[in-house]
Amino acid sequence: PGCLLLQFLSYLGACDRLLKQGYEEGQVEEAMEMFQYSEKKAAEFLRLLAQFNDMGFQQNEIKEVLLLCGNQREKALEELVMK
């Protein structure tokens, strides 16, 4: 039980840090789940999601492409442009 509590506290801390960077709560929770609670991968995903969103791409397409490309920016951008 203590181990689960530590994991939960770690998760909350990671979510809090990402929220403080200006990401929406729902997106933070979704990203953390998609990347099995890896704060580093979730943060990269959220950063690229915002970047591609600012470029005018559709959010659902961005999410799909980022997952398929493993958060590789250049590869994901190439895929988005080809759609």
C-alpha atoms as a PDB file:
ATOM      1  CA  PRO A   1       0.000   0.000   0.000  1.00  0.00           C
ATOM      2  CA  GLY A   2       2.832   2.449   0.736  1.00  0.00           C
ATOM      3  CA  CYS A   3       4.236   1.918  -2.739  1.00  0.00           C
ATOM      4  CA  LEU A   4       0.908   2.808  -4.355  1.00  0.00           C
ATOM      5  CA  LEU A   5       0.717   5.958  -2.264  1.00  0.00           C
ATOM      6  CA  LEU A   6       4.172   7.020  -3.437  1.00  0.00           C
ATOM      7  CA  GLN A   7       3.206   6.378  -7.058  1.00  0.00           C
ATOM      8  CA  PHE A   8       0.034   8.403  -6.627  1.00  0.00           C
ATOM      9  CA  LEU A   9       1.891  11.302  -5.018  1.00  0.00           C
ATOM     10  CA  SER A  10       4.452  11.194  -7.827  1.00  0.00           C
ATOM     11  CA  TYR A  11       1.618  11.280 -10.372  1.00  0.00           C
ATOM     12  CA  LEU A  12      -0.001  14.256  -8.647  1.00  0.00           C
ATOM     13  CA  GLY A  13       3.316  16.104  -8.552  1.00  0.00           C
ATOM     14  CA  ALA A  14       3.890  15.483 -12.250  1.00  0.00           C
ATOM     15  CA  CYS A  15       0.364  16.652 -13.112  1.00  0.00           C
ATOM     16  CA  ASP A  16       0.822  19.754 -10.980  1.00  0.00           C
ATOM     17  CA  ARG A  17       4.096  20.649 -12.738  1.00  0.00           C
ATOM     18  CA  LEU A  18       2.476  20.228 -16.162  1.00  0.00           C
ATOM     19  CA  LEU A  19      -0.566  22.275 -15.151  1.00  0.00           C
ATOM     20  CA  LYS A  20       1.736  25.074 -13.984  1.00  0.00           C
ATOM     21  CA  GLN A  21       3.211  25.122 -17.503  1.00  0.00           C
ATOM     22  CA  GLY A  22      -0.241  26.174 -18.727  1.00  0.00           C
ATOM     23  CA  TYR A  23      -1.629  22.912 -20.082  1.00  0.00           C
ATOM     24  CA  GLU A  24      -5.300  22.047 -19.541  1.00  0.00           C
ATOM     25  CA  GLU A  25      -6.136  19.522 -16.830  1.00  0.00           C
ATOM     26  CA  GLY A  26      -7.921  17.103 -19.171  1.00  0.00           C
ATOM     27  CA  GLN A  27      -5.005  17.108 -21.594  1.00  0.00           C
ATOM     28  CA  VAL A  28      -2.489  16.561 -18.797  1.00  0.00           C
ATOM     29  CA  GLU A  29      -4.417  13.576 -17.411  1.00  0.00           C
ATOM     30  CA  GLU A  30      -4.869  12.090 -20.894  1.00  0.00           C
ATOM     31  CA  ALA A  31      -1.173  12.523 -21.764  1.00  0.00           C
ATOM     32  CA  MET A  32      -0.063  10.989 -18.468  1.00  0.00           C
ATOM     33  CA  GLU A  33      -2.277   7.946 -19.102  1.00  0.00           C
ATOM     34  CA  MET A  34      -1.185   7.577 -22.740  1.00  0.00           C
ATOM     35  CA  PHE A  35       2.467   7.523 -21.732  1.00  0.00           C
ATOM     36  CA  GLN A  36       2.038   5.292 -18.682  1.00  0.00           C
ATOM     37  CA  TYR A  37       2.627   8.157 -16.269  1.00  0.00           C
ATOM     38  CA  SER A  38       5.968   9.219 -17.752  1.00  0.00           C
ATOM     39  CA  GLU A  39       6.125  12.944 -17.018  1.00  0.00           C
ATOM     40  CA  LYS A  40       8.906  13.449 -19.565  1.00  0.00           C
ATOM     41  CA  LYS A  41       6.992  11.806 -22.435  1.00  0.00           C
ATOM     42  CA  ALA A  42       3.717  13.474 -21.453  1.00  0.00           C
ATOM     43  CA  ALA A  43       5.414  16.891 -21.336  1.00  0.00           C
ATOM     44  CA  GLU A  44       6.937  16.382 -24.797  1.00  0.00           C
ATOM     45  CA  PHE A  45       3.567  15.253 -26.161  1.00  0.00           C
ATOM     46  CA  LEU A  46       1.802  18.315 -24.709  1.00  0.00           C
ATOM     47  CA  ARG A  47       4.492  20.656 -26.027  1.00  0.00           C
ATOM     48  CA  LEU A  48       4.232  19.231 -29.557  1.00  0.00           C
ATOM     49  CA  LEU A  49       0.439  19.152 -29.380  1.00  0.00           C
ATOM     50  CA  ALA A  50       0.380  22.881 -28.585  1.00  0.00           C
ATOM     51  CA  GLN A  51       2.979  23.627 -31.259  1.00  0.00           C
ATOM     52  CA  PHE A  52       1.122  21.781 -34.023  1.00  0.00           C
ATOM     53  CA  ASN A  53      -2.191  23.198 -32.819  1.00  0.00           C
ATOM     54  CA  ASP A  54      -0.750  26.700 -33.231  1.00  0.00           C
ATOM     55  CA  MET A  55       0.197  25.738 -36.799  1.00  0.00           C
ATOM     56  CA  GLY A  56      -3.493  25.090 -37.507  1.00  0.00           C
ATOM     57  CA  PHE A  57      -3.626  21.285 -37.459  1.00  0.00           C
ATOM     58  CA  GLN A  58      -6.639  19.509 -35.940  1.00  0.00           C
ATOM     59  CA  GLN A  59      -6.105  18.293 -32.383  1.00  0.00           C
ATOM     60  CA  ASN A  60      -7.435  14.767 -32.950  1.00  0.00           C
ATOM     61  CA  GLU A  61      -5.115  14.318 -35.953  1.00  0.00           C
ATOM     62  CA  ILE A  62      -2.162  15.668 -33.976  1.00  0.00           C
ATOM     63  CA  LYS A  63      -2.746  13.223 -31.113  1.00  0.00           C
ATOM     64  CA  GLU A  64      -3.002  10.277 -33.502  1.00  0.00           C
ATOM     65  CA  VAL A  65       0.149  11.202 -35.410  1.00  0.00           C
ATOM     66  CA  LEU A  66       2.191  11.912 -32.273  1.00  0.00           C
ATOM     67  CA  LEU A  67       1.282   8.521 -30.843  1.00  0.00           C
ATOM     68  CA  LEU A  68       2.131   6.754 -34.107  1.00  0.00           C
ATOM     69  CA  CYS A  69       5.422   8.638 -34.434  1.00  0.00           C
ATOM     70  CA  GLY A  70       6.414   8.298 -30.798  1.00  0.00           C
ATOM     71  CA  ASN A  71       6.602  12.079 -30.245  1.00  0.00           C
ATOM     72  CA  GLN A  72       9.193  12.496 -33.019  1.00  0.00           C
ATOM     73  CA  ARG A  73       8.578  16.085 -34.104  1.00  0.00           C
ATOM     74  CA  GLU A  74       9.897  15.969 -37.685  1.00  0.00           C
ATOM     75  CA  LYS A  75       8.252  12.663 -38.516  1.00  0.00           C
ATOM     76  CA  ALA A  76       4.939  13.808 -37.013  1.00  0.00           C
ATOM     77  CA  LEU A  77       5.043  17.104 -38.892  1.00  0.00           C
ATOM     78  CA  GLU A  78       5.690  15.261 -42.144  1.00  0.00           C
ATOM     79  CA  GLU A  79       2.671  13.007 -41.486  1.00  0.00           C
ATOM     80  CA  LEU A  80       0.426  15.967 -40.632  1.00  0.00           C
ATOM     81  CA  VAL A  81       1.416  17.865 -43.772  1.00  0.00           C
ATOM     82  CA  MET A  82       0.669  14.812 -45.926  1.00  0.00           C
ATOM     83  CA  LYS A  83      -2.878  14.421 -44.503  1.00  0.00           C
END
